[in-house]
Amino acid sequence: MPERIPFTILTGFLGAGKTTTLNRVLAAPHGRRVAVLINELGRIAIDSKLIVFRGSDVLELAGGCVCCKLDVKSDLWDGIAEVVKRTSPDQVVLETTGIAEPAAILEGLDRVPAAARDRIVPAGVICVVDAEAGAAQLERHDEAREQVASADRVLLRKLDRASAAQVAATRARVAELGPAAELASFPDDDDGAMAMTGWLLERRGSGHGHRHHGRHSHEHGQLTAVVFVEAAPLLGDAVMSVLARLGPALVRAKGFVRVAGSEQAAFAEKAGTMLELRTGLSWPDPSAAPRTELVLIGADLDEPAIRRALWACRAAA
């Protein structure tokens, strides 16, 4: 019988820091062939010197790790089976979307095609939590609470930005939702990356990670996504004012902005309590005409009203 492959779920609410965590794991010299399933391959910012092969849906690294793009339009279970077949990994790590329910994924593993189903074994759920914004997010969003409640490990991030009161509040809320989960954090150096990698890839029993802590309802505060694309230049300060006025309803925002009066790109982002516009950047595709491409995710966002407000930010180049 072939050796069984640990299957780890990396979850966390929108903007918590899952991708940053994955970058550190993939760049660490741990010597294990880890297959990482993600939704957007382009978000993984691995040093080009570590990249051995870059295909349309796969990124192979010098240390043996493999990143595979997971097409959210296709079946998750087929994707798990495909990565096991194609890459023969030592371990599979699935990065969930920011509003996924890990317990439901674990309960659905029996839908993985038979050829791979008997080769994988659940190895635990790690939930990344923003220490600065975590208490407020866990209070406000059912999805965030489900993720912590499903986890056997909770990774606190952004401790260098959070006040003592914010850290205390987040820790207390995590302890209430996931009393059996191990709470951890790691320094931002090479030793910390190695320690975090070993911890994240450690095989844990299924335990309380399979439990549903009450199915939640989306009757109130349903999360929706708004995509805004605009070729005309926009006033940067006005765009940020639109985003700021959305308040707590806006959970996550990111995208390039074509700012009036500048040939360079700007990048707008909201993650946790942070809302900023970074200017003076290079466009991701210099051959394409510059344009604004924003993705906003939030609770019951009024798309027509947001588009109207953003269109009102247009200005002459």
Protein backbone atom coordinates (compact mmCIF):
# COMPACT_ATOMS: atom_id res chain seq x y z
CA MET A 1 0.00 0.00 0.00
CA PRO A 2 1.37 3.46 -0.87
CA GLU A 3 2.10 5.75 2.05
CA ARG A 4 -0.79 8.01 2.92
CA ILE A 5 -0.41 11.72 2.16
CA PRO A 6 -1.27 14.26 4.88
CA PHE A 7 -3.89 16.79 3.78
CA THR A 8 -3.72 20.13 5.60
CA ILE A 9 -6.18 23.01 5.32
CA LEU A 10 -4.89 26.57 5.68
CA THR A 11 -7.79 28.88 6.31
CA GLY A 12 -8.42 32.35 7.65
CA PHE A 13 -10.67 35.29 7.04
CA LEU A 14 -10.20 37.77 4.20
CA GLY A 15 -6.93 39.68 4.56
CA ALA A 16 -5.68 37.67 7.54
CA GLY A 17 -2.34 36.80 5.93
CA LYS A 18 -2.72 33.32 4.41
CA THR A 19 -0.72 34.12 1.28
CA THR A 20 2.13 35.66 3.27
CA THR A 21 2.20 32.51 5.38
CA LEU A 22 2.35 30.30 2.28
CA ASN A 23 5.18 32.36 0.80
CA ARG A 24 7.28 31.72 3.90
CA VAL A 25 6.53 27.99 3.86
CA LEU A 26 7.37 27.60 0.17
CA ALA A 27 10.62 29.54 0.45
CA ALA A 28 11.86 27.71 3.57
CA PRO A 29 14.52 24.99 2.96
CA HIS A 30 12.53 22.22 4.64
CA GLY A 31 13.29 19.58 1.98
CA ARG A 32 9.73 18.30 1.71
CA ARG A 33 7.70 18.04 -1.48
CA VAL A 34 4.65 20.02 -0.52
CA ALA A 35 1.86 20.51 -3.07
CA VAL A 36 -0.05 23.70 -2.41
CA LEU A 37 -3.48 24.18 -3.95
CA ILE A 38 -4.43 27.83 -4.28
CA ASN A 39 -7.03 29.85 -6.15
CA GLU A 40 -4.69 32.43 -7.69
CA LEU A 41 -1.22 31.23 -8.61
CA GLY A 42 -0.05 34.78 -9.32
CA ARG A 43 -0.41 35.76 -5.66
CA ILE A 44 2.55 33.60 -4.65
CA ALA A 45 5.55 35.95 -4.72
CA ILE A 46 8.38 33.42 -4.60
CA ASP A 47 11.91 34.62 -5.40
CA SER A 48 12.53 33.89 -9.10
CA LYS A 49 15.80 32.12 -8.21
CA LEU A 50 13.77 29.41 -6.49
CA ILE A 51 11.51 28.73 -9.48
CA VAL A 52 12.49 25.66 -11.51
CA PHE A 53 9.45 25.49 -13.76
CA ARG A 54 6.49 27.78 -14.34
CA GLY A 55 3.55 26.36 -16.27
CA SER A 56 0.07 27.68 -16.89
CA ASP A 57 -1.25 26.12 -13.70
CA VAL A 58 1.82 24.89 -11.85
CA LEU A 59 4.87 26.44 -10.21
CA GLU A 60 7.71 24.05 -9.28
CA LEU A 61 10.32 25.27 -6.79
CA ALA A 62 13.93 24.29 -6.22
CA GLY A 63 13.17 22.86 -2.79
CA GLY A 64 10.69 20.39 -4.25
CA CYS A 65 7.49 22.25 -3.43
CA VAL A 66 4.82 22.55 -6.09
CA CYS A 67 2.11 25.21 -6.34
CA CYS A 68 -0.95 24.28 -8.35
CA LYS A 69 -3.70 26.64 -9.35
CA LEU A 70 -7.13 25.48 -8.28
CA ASP A 71 -9.83 26.54 -10.73
CA VAL A 72 -12.71 27.50 -8.47
CA LYS A 73 -15.07 26.76 -11.35
CA SER A 74 -14.07 23.10 -11.36
CA ASP A 75 -14.64 20.53 -8.67
CA LEU A 76 -12.44 20.80 -5.59
CA TRP A 77 -12.40 17.06 -5.09
CA ASP A 78 -11.13 16.39 -8.62
CA GLY A 79 -8.46 19.04 -8.03
CA ILE A 80 -7.18 17.24 -4.93
CA ALA A 81 -7.03 13.94 -6.82
CA GLU A 82 -5.25 15.58 -9.76
CA VAL A 83 -2.49 17.15 -7.66
CA VAL A 84 -1.84 13.83 -5.89
CA LYS A 85 -1.58 12.05 -9.23
CA ARG A 86 0.54 14.67 -10.99
CA THR A 87 3.04 15.64 -8.31
CA SER A 88 3.36 12.65 -5.91
CA PRO A 89 3.76 15.02 -2.93
CA ASP A 90 4.78 14.32 0.64
CA GLN A 91 1.93 16.56 1.75
CA VAL A 92 -0.95 18.55 0.28
CA VAL A 93 -1.88 21.98 1.63
CA LEU A 94 -5.15 23.59 0.52
CA GLU A 95 -5.45 27.34 0.97
CA THR A 96 -9.15 28.07 1.27
CA THR A 97 -10.91 31.21 0.19
CA GLY A 98 -11.37 33.80 2.90
CA ILE A 99 -15.00 32.84 3.50
CA ALA A 100 -14.73 29.04 3.24
CA GLU A 101 -15.91 26.58 5.89
CA PRO A 102 -13.08 24.10 6.57
CA ALA A 103 -15.33 21.65 8.39
CA ALA A 104 -17.47 21.29 5.28
CA ILE A 105 -14.34 20.57 3.19
CA LEU A 106 -13.22 17.85 5.60
CA GLU A 107 -16.66 16.30 5.62
CA GLY A 108 -16.64 16.24 1.82
CA LEU A 109 -13.37 14.36 1.38
CA ASP A 110 -15.30 11.20 0.65
CA ARG A 111 -16.14 12.86 -2.68
CA VAL A 112 -12.49 12.74 -3.80
CA PRO A 113 -12.19 10.21 -6.67
CA ALA A 114 -11.49 6.73 -5.37
CA ALA A 115 -8.01 6.49 -6.88
CA ALA A 116 -6.76 9.26 -4.55
CA ARG A 117 -9.25 9.07 -1.69
CA ASP A 118 -7.48 6.25 0.12
CA ARG A 119 -4.10 7.96 -0.24
CA ILE A 120 -4.92 11.14 1.66
CA VAL A 121 -5.46 11.56 5.38
CA PRO A 122 -6.63 14.75 7.12
CA ALA A 123 -3.68 16.34 8.94
CA GLY A 124 -5.36 19.30 10.55
CA VAL A 125 -6.75 22.80 10.03
CA ILE A 126 -4.64 25.90 10.58
CA CYS A 127 -6.51 29.20 10.83
CA VAL A 128 -4.64 32.47 10.28
CA VAL A 129 -6.04 35.32 12.38
CA ASP A 130 -5.25 39.02 12.11
CA ALA A 131 -4.35 40.01 15.68
CA GLU A 132 -5.16 43.65 15.01
CA ALA A 133 -8.60 43.21 13.46
CA GLY A 134 -9.40 39.68 14.58
CA ALA A 135 -11.67 40.44 17.54
CA ALA A 136 -13.89 42.71 15.46
CA GLN A 137 -13.96 40.25 12.54
CA LEU A 138 -14.86 37.33 14.78
CA GLU A 139 -17.62 39.38 16.34
CA ARG A 140 -19.03 40.46 12.99
CA HIS A 141 -18.63 37.50 10.59
CA ASP A 142 -20.01 33.97 10.86
CA GLU A 143 -17.40 32.69 8.40
CA ALA A 144 -14.53 33.89 10.56
CA ARG A 145 -16.02 32.20 13.62
CA GLU A 146 -16.52 28.93 11.70
CA GLN A 147 -12.89 28.95 10.61
CA VAL A 148 -11.53 29.35 14.14
CA ALA A 149 -14.00 26.81 15.53
CA SER A 150 -12.83 24.24 12.95
CA ALA A 151 -9.12 24.74 13.59
CA ASP A 152 -6.74 22.70 15.70
CA ARG A 153 -4.11 25.46 15.31
CA VAL A 154 -4.49 29.24 15.15
CA LEU A 155 -1.68 31.38 13.75
CA LEU A 156 -1.73 35.00 14.96
CA ARG A 157 -0.33 37.48 12.46
CA LYS A 158 0.22 41.28 12.43
CA LEU A 159 1.23 41.31 16.06
CA ASP A 160 3.70 44.08 15.23
CA ARG A 161 0.77 46.33 14.32
CA ALA A 162 -1.75 45.40 16.99
CA SER A 163 -2.01 47.14 20.36
CA ALA A 164 -1.90 45.21 23.59
CA ALA A 165 -5.66 45.63 23.97
CA GLN A 166 -6.31 44.36 20.45
CA VAL A 167 -4.13 41.29 20.96
CA ALA A 168 -5.82 40.53 24.26
CA ALA A 169 -9.28 40.87 22.75
CA THR A 170 -8.42 38.65 19.78
CA ARG A 171 -6.86 35.98 21.98
CA ALA A 172 -9.90 35.94 24.25
CA ARG A 173 -12.30 35.55 21.32
CA VAL A 174 -10.20 32.77 19.77
CA ALA A 175 -10.07 30.95 23.10
CA GLU A 176 -13.85 31.16 23.36
CA LEU A 177 -14.46 29.83 19.85
CA GLY A 178 -11.69 27.23 19.71
CA PRO A 179 -10.71 26.32 23.28
CA ALA A 180 -8.79 23.23 22.16
CA ALA A 181 -6.84 24.99 19.40
CA GLU A 182 -3.15 25.72 19.87
CA LEU A 183 -2.38 29.44 19.56
CA ALA A 184 0.99 30.33 18.04
CA SER A 185 3.05 33.03 16.35
CA PHE A 186 6.58 33.13 14.89
CA PRO A 187 9.26 35.79 14.30
CA ASP A 188 9.81 37.14 10.80
CA ASP A 189 13.27 35.67 10.26
CA ASP A 190 14.66 32.47 8.73
CA ASP A 191 14.53 30.55 11.98
CA GLY A 192 10.95 31.65 12.50
CA ALA A 193 10.03 30.55 8.98
CA MET A 194 11.49 27.10 9.54
CA ALA A 195 9.78 26.72 12.92
CA MET A 196 6.46 27.87 11.48
CA THR A 197 6.80 25.49 8.52
CA GLY A 198 7.39 22.48 10.72
CA TRP A 199 4.46 23.45 12.89
CA LEU A 200 2.12 24.05 9.96
CA LEU A 201 3.04 20.78 8.23
CA GLU A 202 2.83 18.71 11.40
CA ARG A 203 0.21 15.99 11.19
CA ARG A 204 -2.52 16.45 13.76
CA GLY A 205 -5.54 14.26 14.41
CA SER A 206 -8.91 15.26 13.05
CA GLY A 207 -10.25 15.89 16.56
CA HIS A 208 -12.54 18.83 16.95
CA GLY A 209 -11.60 20.05 13.49
CA HIS A 210 -14.45 17.96 12.02
CA ARG A 211 -17.14 19.50 14.15
CA HIS A 212 -19.66 21.98 12.87
CA HIS A 213 -20.39 24.55 15.53
CA GLY A 214 -23.80 25.31 14.16
CA ARG A 215 -24.47 25.94 10.51
CA HIS A 216 -24.61 29.65 9.95
CA SER A 217 -27.17 31.60 8.04
CA HIS A 218 -26.57 34.31 5.48
CA GLU A 219 -29.85 36.04 6.07
CA HIS A 220 -27.95 39.07 7.35
CA GLY A 221 -24.60 40.39 6.25
CA GLN A 222 -24.16 38.17 3.20
CA LEU A 223 -20.71 38.67 1.70
CA THR A 224 -20.69 39.76 -1.92
CA ALA A 225 -17.97 40.80 -4.36
CA VAL A 226 -17.95 43.92 -6.53
CA VAL A 227 -15.53 44.19 -9.45
CA PHE A 228 -14.85 47.68 -10.79
CA VAL A 229 -12.90 48.21 -14.03
CA GLU A 230 -12.35 51.69 -15.44
CA ALA A 231 -10.00 52.99 -18.14
CA ALA A 232 -10.33 56.66 -17.23
CA PRO A 233 -7.98 58.15 -14.60
CA LEU A 234 -9.40 58.52 -11.10
CA LEU A 235 -8.67 60.85 -8.22
CA GLY A 236 -6.81 58.69 -5.73
CA ASP A 237 -8.02 60.53 -2.62
CA ALA A 238 -11.60 60.36 -3.84
CA VAL A 239 -11.37 56.59 -4.42
CA MET A 240 -10.07 56.07 -0.89
CA SER A 241 -12.87 58.22 0.48
CA VAL A 242 -15.41 55.98 -1.26
CA LEU A 243 -13.84 52.91 0.29
CA ALA A 244 -13.58 54.51 3.72
CA ARG A 245 -17.26 55.49 3.68
CA LEU A 246 -18.22 51.84 3.29
CA GLY A 247 -16.95 51.34 6.84
CA PRO A 248 -17.15 47.86 8.42
CA ALA A 249 -19.32 46.65 5.53
CA LEU A 250 -16.16 46.56 3.40
CA VAL A 251 -14.20 43.50 4.53
CA ARG A 252 -11.49 43.29 1.86
CA ALA A 253 -10.40 45.44 -1.07
CA LYS A 254 -7.48 45.28 -3.43
CA GLY A 255 -6.54 46.32 -6.92
CA PHE A 256 -4.54 48.65 -9.13
CA VAL A 257 -5.75 52.20 -9.61
CA ARG A 258 -4.97 54.51 -12.49
CA VAL A 259 -4.47 57.80 -10.69
CA ALA A 260 -5.03 61.07 -12.52
CA GLY A 261 -1.82 62.99 -13.14
CA SER A 262 0.51 59.98 -12.83
CA GLU A 263 1.92 57.52 -15.35
CA GLN A 264 2.71 55.05 -12.59
CA ALA A 265 0.33 52.59 -10.97
CA ALA A 266 -1.20 52.84 -7.53
CA PHE A 267 -2.48 49.94 -5.46
CA ALA A 268 -5.50 50.26 -3.17
CA GLU A 269 -5.95 47.74 -0.39
CA LYS A 270 -8.01 47.11 2.69
CA ALA A 271 -7.02 44.20 4.94
CA GLY A 272 -8.24 44.15 8.52
CA THR A 273 -8.12 47.72 9.82
CA MET A 274 -5.56 48.83 7.24
CA LEU A 275 -6.78 50.94 4.32
CA GLU A 276 -4.13 52.47 2.09
CA LEU A 277 -3.22 53.61 -1.40
CA ARG A 278 0.38 52.85 -2.39
CA THR A 279 1.61 55.02 -5.27
CA GLY A 280 4.58 55.11 -7.61
CA LEU A 281 4.37 51.42 -8.59
CA SER A 282 4.96 49.59 -11.86
CA TRP A 283 2.00 48.28 -13.83
CA PRO A 284 1.76 44.46 -13.77
CA ASP A 285 1.54 44.34 -17.57
CA PRO A 286 3.47 47.25 -19.11
CA SER A 287 2.23 46.30 -22.59
CA ALA A 288 -1.42 46.80 -21.65
CA ALA A 289 -3.19 50.13 -21.41
CA PRO A 290 -3.31 51.25 -17.78
CA ARG A 291 -6.69 50.98 -16.11
CA THR A 292 -8.25 50.62 -12.69
CA GLU A 293 -9.18 47.10 -11.60
CA LEU A 294 -10.62 46.89 -8.10
CA VAL A 295 -12.18 43.96 -6.26
CA LEU A 296 -14.26 44.78 -3.19
CA ILE A 297 -15.66 42.13 -0.84
CA GLY A 298 -18.08 42.98 1.91
CA ALA A 299 -21.41 42.52 3.60
CA ASP A 300 -24.43 43.35 1.43
CA LEU A 301 -22.48 45.75 -0.77
CA ASP A 302 -24.67 47.94 -2.97
CA GLU A 303 -22.90 47.43 -6.29
CA PRO A 304 -24.75 50.08 -8.31
CA ALA A 305 -24.14 52.70 -5.60
CA ILE A 306 -20.45 51.82 -5.35
CA ARG A 307 -20.00 51.99 -9.11
CA ARG A 308 -21.71 55.35 -9.21
CA ALA A 309 -19.49 56.71 -6.47
CA LEU A 310 -16.33 55.44 -8.14
CA TRP A 311 -17.34 56.77 -11.53
CA ALA A 312 -17.71 60.17 -9.85
CA CYS A 313 -13.96 59.96 -9.10
CA ARG A 314 -13.01 60.20 -12.77
CA ALA A 315 -10.79 63.06 -13.93
CA ALA A 316 -8.79 64.16 -16.93
CA ALA A 317 -5.41 62.52 -17.39
